[in-house]
Amino acid sequence: MIRRKEVQRLILIEVIFLSFLGILLFFEKMTASTFLLVLFSIFGCDFFFFFILYKESKQIEKLSLDMNRILNGDYSIGIRDYEEGDISNLKSDIDQMTIKLKEQTEQSRKDKKYLEEILSDISHQIKTPLTSMYVMNDLFLEDNTMSEEVRREFLLKNREQLERMEWLVASLLKMSRLDSGTETLKRRTIQSHDLILSVIEPLKIPIELKKQTLEINYQKDPVLFVDPNWTREALLNVLKNAHEHTEENGTLKINVTETPIYYEITISDTGSGISKEDLPHIFERFYKGSGNKESIGIGLHMAKKIITMQEGEIRAISLKQGTKFEIRFYKRNF
């Protein structure tokens, strides 16, 4: 490619050369026809060089306009070409930059939409317990004849709503850490027995209060390769779901088995089960089953996310009486 400085040097050389030829012609060392031939040859070369320079100038001008359109958000421009030269290389670089900008813009739009959706869901989820608490608070203020027993009942309901909101906020913070990538899973080996004990510990008292039976069966106590803390969170959410959907005197079962292909943890209950309509949606964020209006709908969604991030899988099976969750971690990924 001919650059401006090179053309300027070329013109300077030509001026010197023509001056030298003029001197030769003046002293009759060169014929007029030879001088004109050389002169036309030089002008022909100049015309060729200036044509190339003009063409490149137009390409740069168009490239500048295309870049302005790209900066204004128009990524539909095709800049790449397959010719050789510095301008073609520059076009290829700009084309790659355009693709990256387009991907980043698209991701930014998705993140913005996700943020709008989750903020809307959070607002909806928090609005319900807040409304209930406002109603109860107004009753306290307006009814001075309320008995101590009724007052205590309202306070206990208020406490339940506060605990629900606290759990919701904590769960959403955990989900945001996973979604944003700020939290990475640290997998290591752990005995399945130790993992299950850490899962049932927070639910011992609630299970006893409902007089439920908890059965745990192991097959050789296999060693799992998972993130202990996050896997505990996932299994706890599944067991908590089973506990909440099982009536008093019901049964909860945890089985840990090993096959040549995977390790499996099943959590089953004798509760009300899941309808065919709800079954395909129970792992969706904030999904509430048709027969369970008190559920927040985030526990099972979080459980699935944690398990799938470890190349595992979880599925729910509706039984004749109750529900069974099968959680598998494949050995090929260990």
C-alpha atoms as a PDB file:
ATOM      1  CA  MET A   1       0.000   0.000   0.000  1.00  0.00           C
ATOM      2  CA  ILE A   2       1.349   3.470  -0.968  1.00  0.00           C
ATOM      3  CA  ARG A   3       1.323   5.868   1.992  1.00  0.00           C
ATOM      4  CA  ARG A   4       1.251   9.667   1.915  1.00  0.00           C
ATOM      5  CA  LYS A   5       4.851  10.084   3.114  1.00  0.00           C
ATOM      6  CA  GLU A   6       6.062   7.664   0.442  1.00  0.00           C
ATOM      7  CA  VAL A   7       4.247   9.677  -2.244  1.00  0.00           C
ATOM      8  CA  GLN A   8       5.793  12.898  -0.927  1.00  0.00           C
ATOM      9  CA  ARG A   9       9.252  11.327  -1.105  1.00  0.00           C
ATOM     10  CA  LEU A  10       8.490  10.063  -4.615  1.00  0.00           C
ATOM     11  CA  ILE A  11       7.459  13.580  -5.770  1.00  0.00           C
ATOM     12  CA  LEU A  12      10.651  15.055  -4.316  1.00  0.00           C
ATOM     13  CA  ILE A  13      12.763  12.469  -6.146  1.00  0.00           C
ATOM     14  CA  GLU A  14      10.878  13.190  -9.361  1.00  0.00           C
ATOM     15  CA  VAL A  15      11.473  16.938  -9.023  1.00  0.00           C
ATOM     16  CA  ILE A  16      15.202  16.323  -8.565  1.00  0.00           C
ATOM     17  CA  PHE A  17      15.249  13.842 -11.427  1.00  0.00           C
ATOM     18  CA  LEU A  18      13.349  16.199 -13.763  1.00  0.00           C
ATOM     19  CA  SER A  19      15.678  19.025 -12.826  1.00  0.00           C
ATOM     20  CA  PHE A  20      18.625  16.800 -13.722  1.00  0.00           C
ATOM     21  CA  LEU A  21      16.983  15.891 -17.062  1.00  0.00           C
ATOM     22  CA  GLY A  22      16.314  19.585 -17.749  1.00  0.00           C
ATOM     23  CA  ILE A  23      19.959  20.340 -17.190  1.00  0.00           C
ATOM     24  CA  LEU A  24      20.966  17.537 -19.597  1.00  0.00           C
ATOM     25  CA  LEU A  25      18.498  18.821 -22.196  1.00  0.00           C
ATOM     26  CA  PHE A  26      19.816  22.357 -21.759  1.00  0.00           C
ATOM     27  CA  PHE A  27      23.320  21.194 -22.494  1.00  0.00           C
ATOM     28  CA  GLU A  28      21.981  19.072 -25.410  1.00  0.00           C
ATOM     29  CA  LYS A  29      23.023  15.854 -23.755  1.00  0.00           C
ATOM     30  CA  MET A  30      19.490  14.457 -24.316  1.00  0.00           C
ATOM     31  CA  THR A  31      17.092  14.670 -27.241  1.00  0.00           C
ATOM     32  CA  ALA A  32      13.679  16.293 -26.828  1.00  0.00           C
ATOM     33  CA  SER A  33      11.829  13.078 -27.749  1.00  0.00           C
ATOM     34  CA  THR A  34      13.688  11.108 -25.077  1.00  0.00           C
ATOM     35  CA  PHE A  35      12.933  13.790 -22.521  1.00  0.00           C
ATOM     36  CA  LEU A  36       9.200  13.729 -23.384  1.00  0.00           C
ATOM     37  CA  LEU A  37       9.130   9.902 -23.189  1.00  0.00           C
ATOM     38  CA  VAL A  38      10.706   9.954 -19.743  1.00  0.00           C
ATOM     39  CA  LEU A  39       8.383  12.784 -18.696  1.00  0.00           C
ATOM     40  CA  PHE A  40       5.225  10.906 -19.802  1.00  0.00           C
ATOM     41  CA  SER A  41       6.468   7.740 -18.081  1.00  0.00           C
ATOM     42  CA  ILE A  42       6.904   9.639 -14.829  1.00  0.00           C
ATOM     43  CA  PHE A  43       3.457  11.245 -15.148  1.00  0.00           C
ATOM     44  CA  GLY A  44       1.963   7.812 -15.867  1.00  0.00           C
ATOM     45  CA  CYS A  45       3.518   6.419 -12.695  1.00  0.00           C
ATOM     46  CA  ASP A  46       2.285   9.452 -10.759  1.00  0.00           C
ATOM     47  CA  PHE A  47      -1.245   8.954 -12.059  1.00  0.00           C
ATOM     48  CA  PHE A  48      -1.130   5.274 -10.993  1.00  0.00           C
ATOM     49  CA  PHE A  49       0.196   6.101  -7.520  1.00  0.00           C
ATOM     50  CA  PHE A  50      -2.340   8.893  -6.974  1.00  0.00           C
ATOM     51  CA  PHE A  51      -5.153   6.620  -8.156  1.00  0.00           C
ATOM     52  CA  ILE A  52      -4.160   4.046  -5.518  1.00  0.00           C
ATOM     53  CA  LEU A  53      -3.953   6.792  -2.897  1.00  0.00           C
ATOM     54  CA  TYR A  54      -7.407   8.097  -3.873  1.00  0.00           C
ATOM     55  CA  LYS A  55      -8.884   4.595  -3.725  1.00  0.00           C
ATOM     56  CA  GLU A  56      -7.410   3.959  -0.275  1.00  0.00           C
ATOM     57  CA  SER A  57      -8.614   7.356   0.911  1.00  0.00           C
ATOM     58  CA  LYS A  58     -12.169   6.447  -0.119  1.00  0.00           C
ATOM     59  CA  GLN A  59     -11.869   3.083   1.658  1.00  0.00           C
ATOM     60  CA  ILE A  60     -10.696   4.791   4.840  1.00  0.00           C
ATOM     61  CA  GLU A  61     -13.519   7.324   4.585  1.00  0.00           C
ATOM     62  CA  LYS A  62     -16.107   4.539   4.228  1.00  0.00           C
ATOM     63  CA  LEU A  63     -14.463   2.603   7.055  1.00  0.00           C
ATOM     64  CA  SER A  64     -14.726   5.682   9.275  1.00  0.00           C
ATOM     65  CA  LEU A  65     -18.446   5.992   8.528  1.00  0.00           C
ATOM     66  CA  ASP A  66     -18.987   2.279   9.233  1.00  0.00           C
ATOM     67  CA  MET A  67     -17.183   2.580  12.575  1.00  0.00           C
ATOM     68  CA  ASN A  68     -19.412   5.505  13.554  1.00  0.00           C
ATOM     69  CA  ARG A  69     -22.452   3.369  12.791  1.00  0.00           C
ATOM     70  CA  ILE A  70     -21.019   0.536  14.883  1.00  0.00           C
ATOM     71  CA  LEU A  71     -20.383   2.894  17.796  1.00  0.00           C
ATOM     72  CA  ASN A  72     -24.030   3.971  17.538  1.00  0.00           C
ATOM     73  CA  GLY A  73     -25.172   0.370  17.952  1.00  0.00           C
ATOM     74  CA  ASP A  74     -25.603  -0.766  14.342  1.00  0.00           C
ATOM     75  CA  TYR A  75     -23.857  -4.171  14.213  1.00  0.00           C
ATOM     76  CA  SER A  76     -25.395  -5.284  10.902  1.00  0.00           C
ATOM     77  CA  ILE A  77     -22.491  -3.898   8.861  1.00  0.00           C
ATOM     78  CA  GLY A  78     -20.251  -6.434   7.163  1.00  0.00           C
ATOM     79  CA  ILE A  79     -16.692  -5.075   7.134  1.00  0.00           C
ATOM     80  CA  ARG A  80     -14.553  -8.165   6.662  1.00  0.00           C
ATOM     81  CA  ASP A  81     -12.977  -8.786   3.249  1.00  0.00           C
ATOM     82  CA  TYR A  82     -10.514 -11.385   2.061  1.00  0.00           C
ATOM     83  CA  GLU A  83      -8.024  -9.261   0.163  1.00  0.00           C
ATOM     84  CA  GLU A  84      -4.441  -8.665   1.226  1.00  0.00           C
ATOM     85  CA  GLY A  85      -3.070  -5.427   2.551  1.00  0.00           C
ATOM     86  CA  ASP A  86      -3.041  -3.276   5.651  1.00  0.00           C
ATOM     87  CA  ILE A  87      -6.561  -1.918   5.149  1.00  0.00           C
ATOM     88  CA  SER A  88      -7.947  -5.435   4.747  1.00  0.00           C
ATOM     89  CA  ASN A  89      -6.203  -6.476   7.966  1.00  0.00           C
ATOM     90  CA  LEU A  90      -7.682  -3.433   9.683  1.00  0.00           C
ATOM     91  CA  LYS A  91     -11.138  -4.379   8.390  1.00  0.00           C
ATOM     92  CA  SER A  92     -10.733  -7.903   9.766  1.00  0.00           C
ATOM     93  CA  ASP A  93      -9.734  -6.516  13.191  1.00  0.00           C
ATOM     94  CA  ILE A  94     -12.711  -4.152  13.222  1.00  0.00           C
ATOM     95  CA  ASP A  95     -15.005  -6.998  12.167  1.00  0.00           C
ATOM     96  CA  GLN A  96     -13.810  -9.112  15.096  1.00  0.00           C
ATOM     97  CA  MET A  97     -14.257  -6.152  17.428  1.00  0.00           C
ATOM     98  CA  THR A  98     -17.808  -5.677  16.086  1.00  0.00           C
ATOM     99  CA  ILE A  99     -18.658  -9.315  16.813  1.00  0.00           C
ATOM    100  CA  LYS A 100     -17.376  -8.989  20.392  1.00  0.00           C
ATOM    101  CA  LEU A 101     -19.259  -5.723  20.929  1.00  0.00           C
ATOM    102  CA  LYS A 102     -22.426  -7.338  19.589  1.00  0.00           C
ATOM    103  CA  GLU A 103     -22.026 -10.307  21.946  1.00  0.00           C
ATOM    104  CA  GLN A 104     -21.362  -8.026  24.925  1.00  0.00           C
ATOM    105  CA  THR A 105     -24.357  -5.863  24.079  1.00  0.00           C
ATOM    106  CA  GLU A 106     -26.593  -8.911  23.744  1.00  0.00           C
ATOM    107  CA  GLN A 107     -25.335 -10.281  27.061  1.00  0.00           C
ATOM    108  CA  SER A 108     -25.903  -6.893  28.671  1.00  0.00           C
ATOM    109  CA  ARG A 109     -29.491  -6.916  27.413  1.00  0.00           C
ATOM    110  CA  LYS A 110     -30.039 -10.422  28.774  1.00  0.00           C
ATOM    111  CA  ASP A 111     -28.563  -9.427  32.152  1.00  0.00           C
ATOM    112  CA  LYS A 112     -30.780  -6.352  32.262  1.00  0.00           C
ATOM    113  CA  LYS A 113     -33.861  -8.407  31.421  1.00  0.00           C
ATOM    114  CA  TYR A 114     -32.897 -11.024  34.021  1.00  0.00           C
ATOM    115  CA  LEU A 115     -32.422  -8.275  36.627  1.00  0.00           C
ATOM    116  CA  GLU A 116     -35.811  -6.780  35.796  1.00  0.00           C
ATOM    117  CA  GLU A 117     -37.480 -10.183  36.068  1.00  0.00           C
ATOM    118  CA  ILE A 118     -35.861 -11.136  39.348  1.00  0.00           C
ATOM    119  CA  LEU A 119     -36.566  -7.709  40.899  1.00  0.00           C
ATOM    120  CA  SER A 120     -40.190  -8.062  39.829  1.00  0.00           C
ATOM    121  CA  ASP A 121     -40.346 -11.559  41.330  1.00  0.00           C
ATOM    122  CA  ILE A 122     -38.683 -10.415  44.557  1.00  0.00           C
ATOM    123  CA  SER A 123     -41.093  -7.509  44.844  1.00  0.00           C
ATOM    124  CA  HIS A 124     -44.036  -9.853  44.356  1.00  0.00           C
ATOM    125  CA  GLN A 125     -42.714 -12.407  46.838  1.00  0.00           C
ATOM    126  CA  ILE A 126     -41.979  -9.854  49.579  1.00  0.00           C
ATOM    127  CA  LYS A 127     -45.232  -7.971  49.008  1.00  0.00           C
ATOM    128  CA  THR A 128     -47.384 -10.872  50.241  1.00  0.00           C
ATOM    129  CA  PRO A 129     -45.846 -11.298  53.726  1.00  0.00           C
ATOM    130  CA  LEU A 130     -45.505  -7.515  54.112  1.00  0.00           C
ATOM    131  CA  THR A 131     -49.208  -7.022  53.387  1.00  0.00           C
ATOM    132  CA  SER A 132     -50.092  -9.678  55.938  1.00  0.00           C
ATOM    133  CA  MET A 133     -47.854  -8.034  58.546  1.00  0.00           C
ATOM    134  CA  TYR A 134     -49.377  -4.594  57.878  1.00  0.00           C
ATOM    135  CA  VAL A 135     -52.872  -6.011  58.398  1.00  0.00           C
ATOM    136  CA  MET A 136     -51.913  -7.638  61.686  1.00  0.00           C
ATOM    137  CA  ASN A 137     -50.105  -4.514  62.833  1.00  0.00           C
ATOM    138  CA  ASP A 138     -53.215  -2.392  62.145  1.00  0.00           C
ATOM    139  CA  LEU A 139     -55.309  -4.825  64.180  1.00  0.00           C
ATOM    140  CA  PHE A 140     -52.929  -4.396  67.112  1.00  0.00           C
ATOM    141  CA  LEU A 141     -53.248  -0.609  66.882  1.00  0.00           C
ATOM    142  CA  GLU A 142     -57.025  -0.446  66.479  1.00  0.00           C
ATOM    143  CA  ASP A 143     -58.263  -3.270  68.725  1.00  0.00           C
ATOM    144  CA  ASN A 144     -57.581  -2.504  72.380  1.00  0.00           C
ATOM    145  CA  THR A 145     -59.827  -5.329  73.581  1.00  0.00           C
ATOM    146  CA  MET A 146     -57.719  -8.089  71.999  1.00  0.00           C
ATOM    147  CA  SER A 147     -57.071 -10.944  74.400  1.00  0.00           C
ATOM    148  CA  GLU A 148     -53.556 -12.014  75.259  1.00  0.00           C
ATOM    149  CA  GLU A 149     -54.090 -15.371  73.549  1.00  0.00           C
ATOM    150  CA  VAL A 150     -55.191 -13.760  70.261  1.00  0.00           C
ATOM    151  CA  ARG A 151     -52.385 -11.221  70.490  1.00  0.00           C
ATOM    152  CA  ARG A 152     -49.857 -14.031  70.924  1.00  0.00           C
ATOM    153  CA  GLU A 153     -51.311 -15.879  67.935  1.00  0.00           C
ATOM    154  CA  PHE A 154     -50.913 -12.793  65.749  1.00  0.00           C
ATOM    155  CA  LEU A 155     -47.363 -12.271  66.968  1.00  0.00           C
ATOM    156  CA  LEU A 156     -46.488 -15.852  66.102  1.00  0.00           C
ATOM    157  CA  LYS A 157     -47.908 -15.353  62.595  1.00  0.00           C
ATOM    158  CA  ASN A 158     -45.885 -12.183  62.264  1.00  0.00           C
ATOM    159  CA  ARG A 159     -42.785 -14.116  63.283  1.00  0.00           C
ATOM    160  CA  GLU A 160     -43.510 -16.745  60.628  1.00  0.00           C
ATOM    161  CA  GLN A 161     -43.757 -14.046  57.984  1.00  0.00           C
ATOM    162  CA  LEU A 162     -40.469 -12.486  59.126  1.00  0.00           C
ATOM    163  CA  GLU A 163     -38.733 -15.872  59.012  1.00  0.00           C
ATOM    164  CA  ARG A 164     -40.163 -16.436  55.543  1.00  0.00           C
ATOM    165  CA  MET A 165     -38.811 -13.077  54.343  1.00  0.00           C
ATOM    166  CA  GLU A 166     -35.427 -13.747  55.949  1.00  0.00           C
ATOM    167  CA  TRP A 167     -35.146 -17.115  54.204  1.00  0.00           C
ATOM    168  CA  LEU A 168     -36.243 -15.587  50.901  1.00  0.00           C
ATOM    169  CA  VAL A 169     -33.640 -12.796  51.045  1.00  0.00           C
ATOM    170  CA  ALA A 170     -30.875 -15.223  52.070  1.00  0.00           C
ATOM    171  CA  SER A 171     -31.813 -17.620  49.259  1.00  0.00           C
ATOM    172  CA  LEU A 172     -31.919 -14.848  46.672  1.00  0.00           C
ATOM    173  CA  LEU A 173     -28.480 -13.654  47.751  1.00  0.00           C
ATOM    174  CA  LYS A 174     -27.144 -17.183  47.310  1.00  0.00           C
ATOM    175  CA  MET A 175     -28.781 -17.450  43.881  1.00  0.00           C
ATOM    176  CA  SER A 176     -27.335 -14.122  42.778  1.00  0.00           C
ATOM    177  CA  ARG A 177     -23.848 -15.266  43.795  1.00  0.00           C
ATOM    178  CA  LEU A 178     -24.236 -18.399  41.687  1.00  0.00           C
ATOM    179  CA  ASP A 179     -25.773 -16.583  38.708  1.00  0.00           C
ATOM    180  CA  SER A 180     -23.146 -13.823  38.678  1.00  0.00           C
ATOM    181  CA  GLY A 181     -20.250 -16.286  38.919  1.00  0.00           C
ATOM    182  CA  THR A 182     -18.842 -14.638  42.046  1.00  0.00           C
ATOM    183  CA  GLU A 183     -19.262 -17.951  43.859  1.00  0.00           C
ATOM    184  CA  THR A 184     -17.409 -20.946  42.452  1.00  0.00           C
ATOM    185  CA  LEU A 185     -17.988 -24.521  43.551  1.00  0.00           C
ATOM    186  CA  LYS A 186     -15.025 -26.185  45.265  1.00  0.00           C
ATOM    187  CA  ARG A 187     -15.424 -29.917  44.835  1.00  0.00           C
ATOM    188  CA  ARG A 188     -13.661 -32.434  47.040  1.00  0.00           C
ATOM    189  CA  THR A 189     -14.253 -35.935  48.360  1.00  0.00           C
ATOM    190  CA  ILE A 190     -16.647 -36.394  51.274  1.00  0.00           C
ATOM    191  CA  GLN A 191     -18.276 -39.416  52.876  1.00  0.00           C
ATOM    192  CA  SER A 192     -21.965 -39.560  51.990  1.00  0.00           C
ATOM    193  CA  HIS A 193     -22.742 -40.330  55.654  1.00  0.00           C
ATOM    194  CA  ASP A 194     -21.147 -37.058  56.804  1.00  0.00           C
ATOM    195  CA  LEU A 195     -22.946 -35.109  54.098  1.00  0.00           C
ATOM    196  CA  ILE A 196     -26.375 -36.530  54.978  1.00  0.00           C
ATOM    197  CA  LEU A 197     -25.854 -35.854  58.697  1.00  0.00           C
ATOM    198  CA  SER A 198     -25.116 -32.201  57.951  1.00  0.00           C
ATOM    199  CA  VAL A 199     -28.299 -32.036  55.853  1.00  0.00           C
ATOM    200  CA  ILE A 200     -30.713 -33.430  58.442  1.00  0.00           C
ATOM    201  CA  GLU A 201     -29.288 -31.492  61.409  1.00  0.00           C
ATOM    202  CA  PRO A 202     -31.249 -28.212  60.813  1.00  0.00           C
ATOM    203  CA  LEU A 203     -34.510 -30.146  60.296  1.00  0.00           C
ATOM    204  CA  LYS A 204     -34.366 -32.469  63.302  1.00  0.00           C
ATOM    205  CA  ILE A 205     -36.614 -30.338  65.507  1.00  0.00           C
ATOM    206  CA  PRO A 206     -39.202 -29.469  62.791  1.00  0.00           C
ATOM    207  CA  ILE A 207     -39.415 -33.181  61.882  1.00  0.00           C
ATOM    208  CA  GLU A 208     -39.918 -34.134  65.551  1.00  0.00           C
ATOM    209  CA  LEU A 209     -42.595 -31.462  66.016  1.00  0.00           C
ATOM    210  CA  LYS A 210     -44.612 -32.973  63.141  1.00  0.00           C
ATOM    211  CA  LYS A 211     -43.977 -36.462  64.543  1.00  0.00           C
ATOM    212  CA  GLN A 212     -42.537 -37.580  61.239  1.00  0.00           C
ATOM    213  CA  THR A 213     -40.319 -40.616  60.815  1.00  0.00           C
ATOM    214  CA  LEU A 214     -36.965 -40.164  59.075  1.00  0.00           C
ATOM    215  CA  GLU A 215     -35.362 -43.283  57.592  1.00  0.00           C
ATOM    216  CA  ILE A 216     -31.791 -43.239  56.229  1.00  0.00           C
ATOM    217  CA  ASN A 217     -30.240 -46.134  54.309  1.00  0.00           C
ATOM    218  CA  TYR A 218     -26.692 -46.342  52.914  1.00  0.00           C
ATOM    219  CA  GLN A 219     -25.091 -48.762  50.500  1.00  0.00           C
ATOM    220  CA  LYS A 220     -21.453 -49.031  51.601  1.00  0.00           C
ATOM    221  CA  ASP A 221     -21.371 -45.303  52.485  1.00  0.00           C
ATOM    222  CA  PRO A 222     -19.896 -44.210  49.112  1.00  0.00           C
ATOM    223  CA  VAL A 223     -17.488 -41.306  48.799  1.00  0.00           C
ATOM    224  CA  LEU A 224     -18.827 -38.366  46.763  1.00  0.00           C
ATOM    225  CA  PHE A 225     -16.843 -35.747  44.863  1.00  0.00           C
ATOM    226  CA  VAL A 226     -18.878 -32.567  45.358  1.00  0.00           C
ATOM    227  CA  ASP A 227     -18.796 -29.149  46.946  1.00  0.00           C
ATOM    228  CA  PRO A 228     -19.898 -30.069  50.506  1.00  0.00           C
ATOM    229  CA  ASN A 229     -21.415 -26.704  51.457  1.00  0.00           C
ATOM    230  CA  TRP A 230     -23.408 -26.060  48.300  1.00  0.00           C
ATOM    231  CA  THR A 231     -24.466 -29.707  47.916  1.00  0.00           C
ATOM    232  CA  ARG A 232     -25.678 -29.616  51.511  1.00  0.00           C
ATOM    233  CA  GLU A 233     -27.713 -26.522  50.577  1.00  0.00           C
ATOM    234  CA  ALA A 234     -29.261 -28.341  47.614  1.00  0.00           C
ATOM    235  CA  LEU A 235     -30.140 -31.506  49.555  1.00  0.00           C
ATOM    236  CA  LEU A 236     -31.459 -29.439  52.478  1.00  0.00           C
ATOM    237  CA  ASN A 237     -33.855 -27.614  50.156  1.00  0.00           C
ATOM    238  CA  VAL A 238     -35.133 -30.920  48.747  1.00  0.00           C
ATOM    239  CA  LEU A 239     -35.552 -32.481  52.218  1.00  0.00           C
ATOM    240  CA  LYS A 240     -37.212 -29.290  53.517  1.00  0.00           C
ATOM    241  CA  ASN A 241     -39.660 -29.449  50.612  1.00  0.00           C
ATOM    242  CA  ALA A 242     -40.456 -33.096  51.444  1.00  0.00           C
ATOM    243  CA  HIS A 243     -40.909 -32.253  55.135  1.00  0.00           C
ATOM    244  CA  GLU A 244     -43.260 -29.335  54.454  1.00  0.00           C
ATOM    245  CA  HIS A 245     -45.449 -31.347  52.064  1.00  0.00           C
ATOM    246  CA  THR A 246     -45.807 -34.341  54.391  1.00  0.00           C
ATOM    247  CA  GLU A 247     -48.511 -34.422  57.039  1.00  0.00           C
ATOM    248  CA  GLU A 248     -47.978 -35.306  60.697  1.00  0.00           C
ATOM    249  CA  ASN A 249     -46.918 -38.908  61.393  1.00  0.00           C
ATOM    250  CA  GLY A 250     -45.698 -39.194  57.800  1.00  0.00           C
ATOM    251  CA  THR A 251     -42.420 -40.766  56.661  1.00  0.00           C
ATOM    252  CA  LEU A 252     -39.339 -39.262  55.030  1.00  0.00           C
ATOM    253  CA  LYS A 253     -36.704 -41.521  53.450  1.00  0.00           C
ATOM    254  CA  ILE A 254     -33.135 -40.886  52.330  1.00  0.00           C
ATOM    255  CA  ASN A 255     -31.341 -43.611  50.374  1.00  0.00           C
ATOM    256  CA  VAL A 256     -27.728 -43.463  49.203  1.00  0.00           C
ATOM    257  CA  THR A 257     -26.717 -46.027  46.569  1.00  0.00           C
ATOM    258  CA  GLU A 258     -23.867 -46.657  44.166  1.00  0.00           C
ATOM    259  CA  THR A 259     -23.889 -48.098  40.660  1.00  0.00           C
ATOM    260  CA  PRO A 260     -21.014 -48.648  38.228  1.00  0.00           C
ATOM    261  CA  ILE A 261     -22.008 -45.374  36.509  1.00  0.00           C
ATOM    262  CA  TYR A 262     -23.195 -42.961  39.202  1.00  0.00           C
ATOM    263  CA  TYR A 263     -23.816 -42.261  42.875  1.00  0.00           C
ATOM    264  CA  GLU A 264     -27.466 -41.625  43.711  1.00  0.00           C
ATOM    265  CA  ILE A 265     -29.227 -39.944  46.620  1.00  0.00           C
ATOM    266  CA  THR A 266     -33.003 -40.329  46.744  1.00  0.00           C
ATOM    267  CA  ILE A 267     -35.271 -38.321  49.043  1.00  0.00           C
ATOM    268  CA  SER A 268     -38.866 -39.511  49.216  1.00  0.00           C
ATOM    269  CA  ASP A 269     -41.913 -38.711  51.330  1.00  0.00           C
ATOM    270  CA  THR A 270     -45.469 -39.904  51.958  1.00  0.00           C
ATOM    271  CA  GLY A 271     -46.972 -36.473  51.425  1.00  0.00           C
ATOM    272  CA  SER A 272     -49.599 -35.133  49.065  1.00  0.00           C
ATOM    273  CA  GLY A 273     -47.484 -35.701  45.946  1.00  0.00           C
ATOM    274  CA  ILE A 274     -47.195 -33.517  42.845  1.00  0.00           C
ATOM    275  CA  SER A 275     -49.867 -33.192  40.182  1.00  0.00           C
ATOM    276  CA  LYS A 276     -49.127 -34.014  36.538  1.00  0.00           C
ATOM    277  CA  GLU A 277     -49.644 -30.344  35.651  1.00  0.00           C
ATOM    278  CA  ASP A 278     -47.092 -29.123  38.215  1.00  0.00           C
ATOM    279  CA  LEU A 279     -44.463 -31.830  37.761  1.00  0.00           C
ATOM    280  CA  PRO A 280     -42.734 -30.319  34.641  1.00  0.00           C
ATOM    281  CA  HIS A 281     -42.439 -26.910  36.346  1.00  0.00           C
ATOM    282  CA  ILE A 282     -41.400 -27.564  39.949  1.00  0.00           C
ATOM    283  CA  PHE A 283     -37.738 -26.614  39.308  1.00  0.00           C
ATOM    284  CA  GLU A 284     -38.639 -23.255  37.782  1.00  0.00           C
ATOM    285  CA  ARG A 285     -37.791 -20.153  39.798  1.00  0.00           C
ATOM    286  CA  PHE A 286     -40.715 -18.883  41.924  1.00  0.00           C
ATOM    287  CA  TYR A 287     -43.055 -21.554  40.609  1.00  0.00           C
ATOM    288  CA  LYS A 288     -45.828 -22.427  43.042  1.00  0.00           C
ATOM    289  CA  GLY A 289     -47.793 -25.602  42.717  1.00  0.00           C
ATOM    290  CA  SER A 290     -51.553 -25.378  42.283  1.00  0.00           C
ATOM    291  CA  GLY A 291     -52.146 -26.834  45.741  1.00  0.00           C
ATOM    292  CA  ASN A 292     -49.433 -24.965  47.639  1.00  0.00           C
ATOM    293  CA  LYS A 293     -49.915 -21.212  47.899  1.00  0.00           C
ATOM    294  CA  GLU A 294     -47.569 -20.828  50.875  1.00  0.00           C
ATOM    295  CA  SER A 295     -44.498 -21.984  48.956  1.00  0.00           C
ATOM    296  CA  ILE A 296     -41.975 -19.376  47.787  1.00  0.00           C
ATOM    297  CA  GLY A 297     -40.806 -21.508  44.870  1.00  0.00           C
ATOM    298  CA  ILE A 298     -37.051 -20.995  45.004  1.00  0.00           C
ATOM    299  CA  GLY A 299     -35.680 -23.948  47.003  1.00  0.00           C
ATOM    300  CA  LEU A 300     -35.996 -26.606  44.308  1.00  0.00           C
ATOM    301  CA  HIS A 301     -34.792 -24.175  41.632  1.00  0.00           C
ATOM    302  CA  MET A 302     -31.642 -23.516  43.654  1.00  0.00           C
ATOM    303  CA  ALA A 303     -31.157 -27.238  44.304  1.00  0.00           C
ATOM    304  CA  LYS A 304     -31.246 -28.028  40.587  1.00  0.00           C
ATOM    305  CA  LYS A 305     -28.838 -25.228  39.752  1.00  0.00           C
ATOM    306  CA  ILE A 306     -26.298 -26.388  42.342  1.00  0.00           C
ATOM    307  CA  ILE A 307     -26.511 -30.018  41.248  1.00  0.00           C
ATOM    308  CA  THR A 308     -26.289 -29.317  37.510  1.00  0.00           C
ATOM    309  CA  MET A 309     -23.288 -27.033  38.087  1.00  0.00           C
ATOM    310  CA  GLN A 310     -21.531 -30.177  39.314  1.00  0.00           C
ATOM    311  CA  GLU A 311     -22.505 -32.137  36.186  1.00  0.00           C
ATOM    312  CA  GLY A 312     -25.185 -33.965  38.144  1.00  0.00           C
ATOM    313  CA  GLU A 313     -28.911 -34.239  37.576  1.00  0.00           C
ATOM    314  CA  ILE A 314     -32.085 -34.201  39.638  1.00  0.00           C
ATOM    315  CA  ARG A 315     -35.574 -35.311  38.760  1.00  0.00           C
ATOM    316  CA  ALA A 316     -38.872 -35.678  40.598  1.00  0.00           C
ATOM    317  CA  ILE A 317     -41.148 -38.722  40.411  1.00  0.00           C
ATOM    318  CA  SER A 318     -44.741 -38.624  41.607  1.00  0.00           C
ATOM    319  CA  LEU A 319     -45.595 -41.767  43.577  1.00  0.00           C
ATOM    320  CA  LYS A 320     -48.956 -43.246  44.517  1.00  0.00           C
ATOM    321  CA  GLN A 321     -48.469 -41.600  47.868  1.00  0.00           C
ATOM    322  CA  GLY A 322     -45.882 -38.864  47.981  1.00  0.00           C
ATOM    323  CA  THR A 323     -42.921 -37.798  45.863  1.00  0.00           C
ATOM    324  CA  LYS A 324     -39.414 -39.088  45.226  1.00  0.00           C
ATOM    325  CA  PHE A 325     -36.445 -36.959  44.158  1.00  0.00           C
ATOM    326  CA  GLU A 326     -33.543 -38.740  42.474  1.00  0.00           C
ATOM    327  CA  ILE A 327     -30.180 -36.948  42.589  1.00  0.00           C
ATOM    328  CA  ARG A 328     -27.278 -38.432  40.619  1.00  0.00           C
ATOM    329  CA  PHE A 329     -23.583 -37.581  40.403  1.00  0.00           C
ATOM    330  CA  TYR A 330     -21.889 -39.440  37.563  1.00  0.00           C
ATOM    331  CA  LYS A 331     -18.553 -41.142  38.118  1.00  0.00           C
ATOM    332  CA  ARG A 332     -17.139 -40.127  34.763  1.00  0.00           C
ATOM    333  CA  ASN A 333     -16.972 -36.564  36.024  1.00  0.00           C
ATOM    334  CA  PHE A 334     -15.045 -37.434  39.193  1.00  0.00           C
END
